[in-house]
């Protein structure tokens, strides 16, 4: 994890940071549990991939029609 930030909230110790895979990791030591949530990057990359695939498909249609 790169550059984690440690803060005290609600009586628990919270460690928050972004790892190398663009996942937001949230560690809560109060209950000895770890919550991992994916950031919007995964959603954003999915949209970029769909847009890229659509652009390739449209380009093929244009090339075939000419």
PDB file of N, CA and C in Angstrom:
ATOM      1  N   UNK A   1       0.855  -1.163   0.000  1.00  0.00           N
ATOM      2  CA  UNK A   1       0.000   0.000   0.000  1.00  0.00           C
ATOM      3  C   UNK A   1       0.902   1.229   0.000  1.00  0.00           C
ATOM      4  N   UNK A   2       0.566   2.214  -0.794  1.00  0.00           N
ATOM      5  CA  UNK A   2       1.372   3.422  -0.867  1.00  0.00           C
ATOM      6  C   UNK A   2       0.726   4.545  -0.081  1.00  0.00           C
ATOM      7  N   UNK A   3       1.539   5.218   0.707  1.00  0.00           N
ATOM      8  CA  UNK A   3       1.125   6.394   1.473  1.00  0.00           C
ATOM      9  C   UNK A   3      -0.175   6.213   2.258  1.00  0.00           C
ATOM     10  N   UNK A   4      -0.223   5.246   3.163  1.00  0.00           N
ATOM     11  CA  UNK A   4      -1.450   5.096   3.957  1.00  0.00           C
ATOM     12  C   UNK A   4      -1.622   6.261   4.926  1.00  0.00           C
ATOM     13  N   UNK A   5      -2.853   6.561   5.245  1.00  0.00           N
ATOM     14  CA  UNK A   5      -3.167   7.626   6.186  1.00  0.00           C
ATOM     15  C   UNK A   5      -3.874   7.008   7.382  1.00  0.00           C
ATOM     16  N   UNK A   6      -3.370   7.289   8.578  1.00  0.00           N
ATOM     17  CA  UNK A   6      -3.963   6.705   9.783  1.00  0.00           C
ATOM     18  C   UNK A   6      -4.701   7.801  10.541  1.00  0.00           C
ATOM     19  N   UNK A   7      -5.953   7.534  10.861  1.00  0.00           N
ATOM     20  CA  UNK A   7      -6.752   8.493  11.621  1.00  0.00           C
ATOM     21  C   UNK A   7      -7.546   7.760  12.688  1.00  0.00           C
ATOM     22  N   UNK A   8      -7.964   8.502  13.702  1.00  0.00           N
ATOM     23  CA  UNK A   8      -8.815   7.941  14.757  1.00  0.00           C
ATOM     24  C   UNK A   8     -10.233   8.412  14.513  1.00  0.00           C
ATOM     25  N   UNK A   9     -11.170   7.466  14.360  1.00  0.00           N
ATOM     26  CA  UNK A   9     -12.575   7.826  14.150  1.00  0.00           C
ATOM     27  C   UNK A   9     -13.445   6.854  14.934  1.00  0.00           C
ATOM     28  N   UNK A  10     -14.448   7.377  15.562  1.00  0.00           N
ATOM     29  CA  UNK A  10     -15.439   6.554  16.280  1.00  0.00           C
ATOM     30  C   UNK A  10     -14.771   5.581  17.241  1.00  0.00           C
ATOM     31  N   UNK A  11     -13.701   5.991  17.866  1.00  0.00           N
ATOM     32  CA  UNK A  11     -13.039   5.143  18.846  1.00  0.00           C
ATOM     33  C   UNK A  11     -12.201   4.041  18.243  1.00  0.00           C
ATOM     34  N   UNK A  12     -12.061   4.001  16.925  1.00  0.00           N
ATOM     35  CA  UNK A  12     -11.259   2.963  16.269  1.00  0.00           C
ATOM     36  C   UNK A  12     -10.137   3.574  15.463  1.00  0.00           C
ATOM     37  N   UNK A  13      -9.149   2.764  15.152  1.00  0.00           N
ATOM     38  CA  UNK A  13      -8.009   3.206  14.368  1.00  0.00           C
ATOM     39  C   UNK A  13      -8.274   2.851  12.910  1.00  0.00           C
ATOM     40  N   UNK A  14      -8.283   3.836  12.023  1.00  0.00           N
ATOM     41  CA  UNK A  14      -8.614   3.607  10.620  1.00  0.00           C
ATOM     42  C   UNK A  14      -7.387   3.871   9.770  1.00  0.00           C
ATOM     43  N   UNK A  15      -7.049   2.914   8.917  1.00  0.00           N
ATOM     44  CA  UNK A  15      -5.936   3.065   7.993  1.00  0.00           C
ATOM     45  C   UNK A  15      -6.493   3.034   6.582  1.00  0.00           C
ATOM     46  N   UNK A  16      -6.238   4.086   5.820  1.00  0.00           N
ATOM     47  CA  UNK A  16      -6.821   4.191   4.491  1.00  0.00           C
ATOM     48  C   UNK A  16      -5.728   4.526   3.489  1.00  0.00           C
ATOM     49  N   UNK A  17      -5.701   3.847   2.353  1.00  0.00           N
ATOM     50  CA  UNK A  17      -4.717   4.138   1.317  1.00  0.00           C
ATOM     51  C   UNK A  17      -5.089   3.458   0.019  1.00  0.00           C
ATOM     52  N   UNK A  18      -4.349   3.769  -1.039  1.00  0.00           N
ATOM     53  CA  UNK A  18      -4.604   3.161  -2.343  1.00  0.00           C
ATOM     54  C   UNK A  18      -3.408   2.285  -2.692  1.00  0.00           C
ATOM     55  N   UNK A  19      -3.655   1.027  -3.048  1.00  0.00           N
ATOM     56  CA  UNK A  19      -2.562   0.126  -3.393  1.00  0.00           C
ATOM     57  C   UNK A  19      -2.229   0.246  -4.874  1.00  0.00           C
ATOM     58  N   UNK A  20      -1.307  -0.576  -5.337  1.00  0.00           N
ATOM     59  CA  UNK A  20      -0.823  -0.489  -6.709  1.00  0.00           C
ATOM     60  C   UNK A  20      -1.853  -0.926  -7.735  1.00  0.00           C
ATOM     61  N   UNK A  21      -2.925  -1.556  -7.315  1.00  0.00           N
ATOM     62  CA  UNK A  21      -3.950  -2.028  -8.247  1.00  0.00           C
ATOM     63  C   UNK A  21      -5.167  -1.106  -8.233  1.00  0.00           C
ATOM     64  N   UNK A  22      -4.988   0.114  -7.784  1.00  0.00           N
ATOM     65  CA  UNK A  22      -6.047   1.118  -7.746  1.00  0.00           C
ATOM     66  C   UNK A  22      -7.269   0.635  -6.968  1.00  0.00           C
ATOM     67  N   UNK A  23      -7.019  -0.089  -5.902  1.00  0.00           N
ATOM     68  CA  UNK A  23      -8.108  -0.494  -5.023  1.00  0.00           C
ATOM     69  C   UNK A  23      -7.959   0.279  -3.723  1.00  0.00           C
ATOM     70  N   UNK A  24      -9.050   0.816  -3.270  1.00  0.00           N
ATOM     71  CA  UNK A  24      -9.041   1.534  -2.002  1.00  0.00           C
ATOM     72  C   UNK A  24      -9.177   0.512  -0.886  1.00  0.00           C
ATOM     73  N   UNK A  25      -8.195   0.469  -0.007  1.00  0.00           N
ATOM     74  CA  UNK A  25      -8.212  -0.484   1.096  1.00  0.00           C
ATOM     75  C   UNK A  25      -8.495   0.267   2.387  1.00  0.00           C
ATOM     76  N   UNK A  26      -9.445  -0.219   3.116  1.00  0.00           N
ATOM     77  CA  UNK A  26      -9.828   0.414   4.372  1.00  0.00           C
ATOM     78  C   UNK A  26      -9.693  -0.617   5.487  1.00  0.00           C
ATOM     79  N   UNK A  27      -8.812  -0.364   6.425  1.00  0.00           N
ATOM     80  CA  UNK A  27      -8.596  -1.284   7.533  1.00  0.00           C
ATOM     81  C   UNK A  27      -9.168  -0.666   8.802  1.00  0.00           C
ATOM     82  N   UNK A  28     -10.006  -1.394   9.476  1.00  0.00           N
ATOM     83  CA  UNK A  28     -10.586  -0.920  10.729  1.00  0.00           C
ATOM     84  C   UNK A  28     -10.149  -1.886  11.830  1.00  0.00           C
ATOM     85  N   UNK A  29      -9.302  -1.393  12.730  1.00  0.00           N
ATOM     86  CA  UNK A  29      -8.738  -2.270  13.751  1.00  0.00           C
ATOM     87  C   UNK A  29      -9.667  -2.455  14.943  1.00  0.00           C
ATOM     88  N   UNK A  30     -10.683  -1.618  15.053  1.00  0.00           N
ATOM     89  CA  UNK A  30     -11.580  -1.693  16.208  1.00  0.00           C
ATOM     90  C   UNK A  30     -12.237  -3.070  16.291  1.00  0.00           C
ATOM     91  N   UNK A  31     -12.709  -3.591  15.170  1.00  0.00           N
ATOM     92  CA  UNK A  31     -13.369  -4.896  15.149  1.00  0.00           C
ATOM     93  C   UNK A  31     -12.484  -5.969  14.536  1.00  0.00           C
ATOM     94  N   UNK A  32     -11.211  -5.656  14.329  1.00  0.00           N
ATOM     95  CA  UNK A  32     -10.260  -6.580  13.711  1.00  0.00           C
ATOM     96  C   UNK A  32     -10.782  -7.091  12.379  1.00  0.00           C
ATOM     97  N   UNK A  33     -11.403  -6.207  11.611  1.00  0.00           N
ATOM     98  CA  UNK A  33     -11.915  -6.612  10.311  1.00  0.00           C
ATOM     99  C   UNK A  33     -11.276  -5.747   9.235  1.00  0.00           C
ATOM    100  N   UNK A  34     -11.316  -6.231   8.020  1.00  0.00           N
ATOM    101  CA  UNK A  34     -10.762  -5.489   6.898  1.00  0.00           C
ATOM    102  C   UNK A  34     -11.835  -5.355   5.834  1.00  0.00           C
ATOM    103  N   UNK A  35     -12.102  -4.139   5.423  1.00  0.00           N
ATOM    104  CA  UNK A  35     -13.060  -3.893   4.358  1.00  0.00           C
ATOM    105  C   UNK A  35     -12.285  -3.465   3.124  1.00  0.00           C
ATOM    106  N   UNK A  36     -12.600  -4.059   2.000  1.00  0.00           N
ATOM    107  CA  UNK A  36     -11.934  -3.678   0.764  1.00  0.00           C
ATOM    108  C   UNK A  36     -12.994  -3.262  -0.239  1.00  0.00           C
ATOM    109  N   UNK A  37     -12.891  -2.064  -0.710  1.00  0.00           N
ATOM    110  CA  UNK A  37     -13.831  -1.593  -1.719  1.00  0.00           C
ATOM    111  C   UNK A  37     -13.048  -1.141  -2.928  1.00  0.00           C
ATOM    112  N   UNK A  38     -13.553  -1.463  -4.084  1.00  0.00           N
ATOM    113  CA  UNK A  38     -12.891  -1.042  -5.303  1.00  0.00           C
ATOM    114  C   UNK A  38     -13.309   0.392  -5.596  1.00  0.00           C
ATOM    115  N   UNK A  39     -12.390   1.159  -6.072  1.00  0.00           N
ATOM    116  CA  UNK A  39     -12.679   2.551  -6.371  1.00  0.00           C
ATOM    117  C   UNK A  39     -13.386   2.655  -7.710  1.00  0.00           C
ATOM    118  N   UNK A  40     -13.662   3.884  -8.075  1.00  0.00           N
ATOM    119  CA  UNK A  40     -14.333   4.115  -9.344  1.00  0.00           C
ATOM    120  C   UNK A  40     -13.437   3.752 -10.517  1.00  0.00           C
ATOM    121  N   UNK A  41     -12.131   3.497 -10.261  1.00  0.00           N
ATOM    122  CA  UNK A  41     -11.227   3.181 -11.365  1.00  0.00           C
ATOM    123  C   UNK A  41     -11.663   1.933 -12.116  1.00  0.00           C
ATOM    124  N   UNK A  42     -12.109   0.914 -11.382  1.00  0.00           N
ATOM    125  CA  UNK A  42     -12.546  -0.312 -12.049  1.00  0.00           C
ATOM    126  C   UNK A  42     -13.749  -0.018 -12.942  1.00  0.00           C
ATOM    127  N   UNK A  43     -14.696   0.742 -12.421  1.00  0.00           N
ATOM    128  CA  UNK A  43     -15.875   1.116 -13.190  1.00  0.00           C
ATOM    129  C   UNK A  43     -15.471   1.974 -14.391  1.00  0.00           C
ATOM    130  N   UNK A  44     -14.574   2.932 -14.149  1.00  0.00           N
ATOM    131  CA  UNK A  44     -14.107   3.820 -15.210  1.00  0.00           C
ATOM    132  C   UNK A  44     -13.407   3.030 -16.317  1.00  0.00           C
ATOM    133  N   UNK A  45     -12.538   2.092 -15.930  1.00  0.00           N
ATOM    134  CA  UNK A  45     -11.818   1.302 -16.931  1.00  0.00           C
ATOM    135  C   UNK A  45     -12.769   0.427 -17.736  1.00  0.00           C
ATOM    136  N   UNK A  46     -13.827  -0.063 -17.098  1.00  0.00           N
ATOM    137  CA  UNK A  46     -14.822  -0.857 -17.811  1.00  0.00           C
ATOM    138  C   UNK A  46     -15.506  -0.002 -18.883  1.00  0.00           C
ATOM    139  N   UNK A  47     -15.835   1.243 -18.543  1.00  0.00           N
ATOM    140  CA  UNK A  47     -16.465   2.152 -19.503  1.00  0.00           C
ATOM    141  C   UNK A  47     -15.503   2.460 -20.645  1.00  0.00           C
ATOM    142  N   UNK A  48     -14.235   2.701 -20.319  1.00  0.00           N
ATOM    143  CA  UNK A  48     -13.232   2.993 -21.352  1.00  0.00           C
ATOM    144  C   UNK A  48     -13.108   1.814 -22.306  1.00  0.00           C
ATOM    145  N   UNK A  49     -13.071   0.600 -21.775  1.00  0.00           N
ATOM    146  CA  UNK A  49     -12.959  -0.586 -22.629  1.00  0.00           C
ATOM    147  C   UNK A  49     -14.169  -0.727 -23.540  1.00  0.00           C
ATOM    148  N   UNK A  50     -15.365  -0.498 -23.006  1.00  0.00           N
ATOM    149  CA  UNK A  50     -16.577  -0.595 -23.823  1.00  0.00           C
ATOM    150  C   UNK A  50     -16.576   0.465 -24.915  1.00  0.00           C
ATOM    151  N   UNK A  51     -16.154   1.684 -24.566  1.00  0.00           N
ATOM    152  CA  UNK A  51     -16.098   2.772 -25.545  1.00  0.00           C
ATOM    153  C   UNK A  51     -15.088   2.452 -26.629  1.00  0.00           C
ATOM    154  N   UNK A  52     -13.955   1.905 -26.238  1.00  0.00           N
ATOM    155  CA  UNK A  52     -12.911   1.533 -27.194  1.00  0.00           C
ATOM    156  C   UNK A  52     -13.421   0.455 -28.141  1.00  0.00           C
ATOM    157  N   UNK A  53     -14.081  -0.564 -27.589  1.00  0.00           N
ATOM    158  CA  UNK A  53     -14.630  -1.642 -28.420  1.00  0.00           C
ATOM    159  C   UNK A  53     -15.684  -1.106 -29.383  1.00  0.00           C
ATOM    160  N   UNK A  54     -16.516  -0.188 -28.912  1.00  0.00           N
ATOM    161  CA  UNK A  54     -17.555   0.400 -29.753  1.00  0.00           C
ATOM    162  C   UNK A  54     -16.923   1.204 -30.890  1.00  0.00           C
ATOM    163  N   UNK A  55     -15.864   1.967 -30.581  1.00  0.00           N
ATOM    164  CA  UNK A  55     -15.182   2.768 -31.602  1.00  0.00           C
ATOM    165  C   UNK A  55     -14.566   1.870 -32.669  1.00  0.00           C
ATOM    166  N   UNK A  56     -13.982   0.758 -32.270  1.00  0.00           N
ATOM    167  CA  UNK A  56     -13.400  -0.185 -33.235  1.00  0.00           C
ATOM    168  C   UNK A  56     -14.498  -0.757 -34.122  1.00  0.00           C
ATOM    169  N   UNK A  57     -15.628  -1.129 -33.522  1.00  0.00           N
ATOM    170  CA  UNK A  57     -16.743  -1.688 -34.285  1.00  0.00           C
ATOM    171  C   UNK A  57     -17.273  -0.670 -35.293  1.00  0.00           C
ATOM    172  N   UNK A  58     -17.450   0.568 -34.864  1.00  0.00           N
ATOM    173  CA  UNK A  58     -17.939   1.617 -35.765  1.00  0.00           C
ATOM    174  C   UNK A  58     -16.943   1.876 -36.894  1.00  0.00           C
ATOM    175  N   UNK A  59     -15.660   1.842 -36.581  1.00  0.00           N
ATOM    176  CA  UNK A  59     -14.625   2.054 -37.589  1.00  0.00           C
ATOM    177  C   UNK A  59     -14.669   0.943 -38.638  1.00  0.00           C
ATOM    178  N   UNK A  60     -14.892  -0.289 -38.197  1.00  0.00           N
ATOM    179  CA  UNK A  60     -14.998  -1.413 -39.133  1.00  0.00           C
ATOM    180  C   UNK A  60     -16.213  -1.241 -40.036  1.00  0.00           C
ATOM    181  N   UNK A  61     -17.332  -0.765 -39.467  1.00  0.00           N
ATOM    182  CA  UNK A  61     -18.542  -0.544 -40.270  1.00  0.00           C
ATOM    183  C   UNK A  61     -18.287   0.504 -41.348  1.00  0.00           C
ATOM    184  N   UNK A  62     -17.583   1.574 -40.989  1.00  0.00           N
ATOM    185  CA  UNK A  62     -17.283   2.642 -41.951  1.00  0.00           C
ATOM    186  C   UNK A  62     -16.377   2.114 -43.058  1.00  0.00           C
ATOM    187  N   UNK A  63     -15.371   1.336 -42.684  1.00  0.00           N
ATOM    188  CA  UNK A  63     -14.436   0.791 -43.676  1.00  0.00           C
ATOM    189  C   UNK A  63     -15.133  -0.176 -44.621  1.00  0.00           C
ATOM    190  N   UNK A  64     -16.047  -0.978 -44.101  1.00  0.00           N
ATOM    191  CA  UNK A  64     -16.763  -1.956 -44.934  1.00  0.00           C
ATOM    192  C   UNK A  64     -17.715  -1.245 -45.890  1.00  0.00           C
ATOM    193  N   UNK A  65     -18.353  -0.171 -45.449  1.00  0.00           N
ATOM    194  CA  UNK A  65     -19.337   0.517 -46.290  1.00  0.00           C
ATOM    195  C   UNK A  65     -18.682   1.294 -47.436  1.00  0.00           C
ATOM    196  N   UNK A  66     -17.404   1.587 -47.329  1.00  0.00           N
ATOM    197  CA  UNK A  66     -16.725   2.341 -48.404  1.00  0.00           C
ATOM    198  C   UNK A  66     -16.143   1.402 -49.358  1.00  0.00           C
TER     199      UNK A  66
END
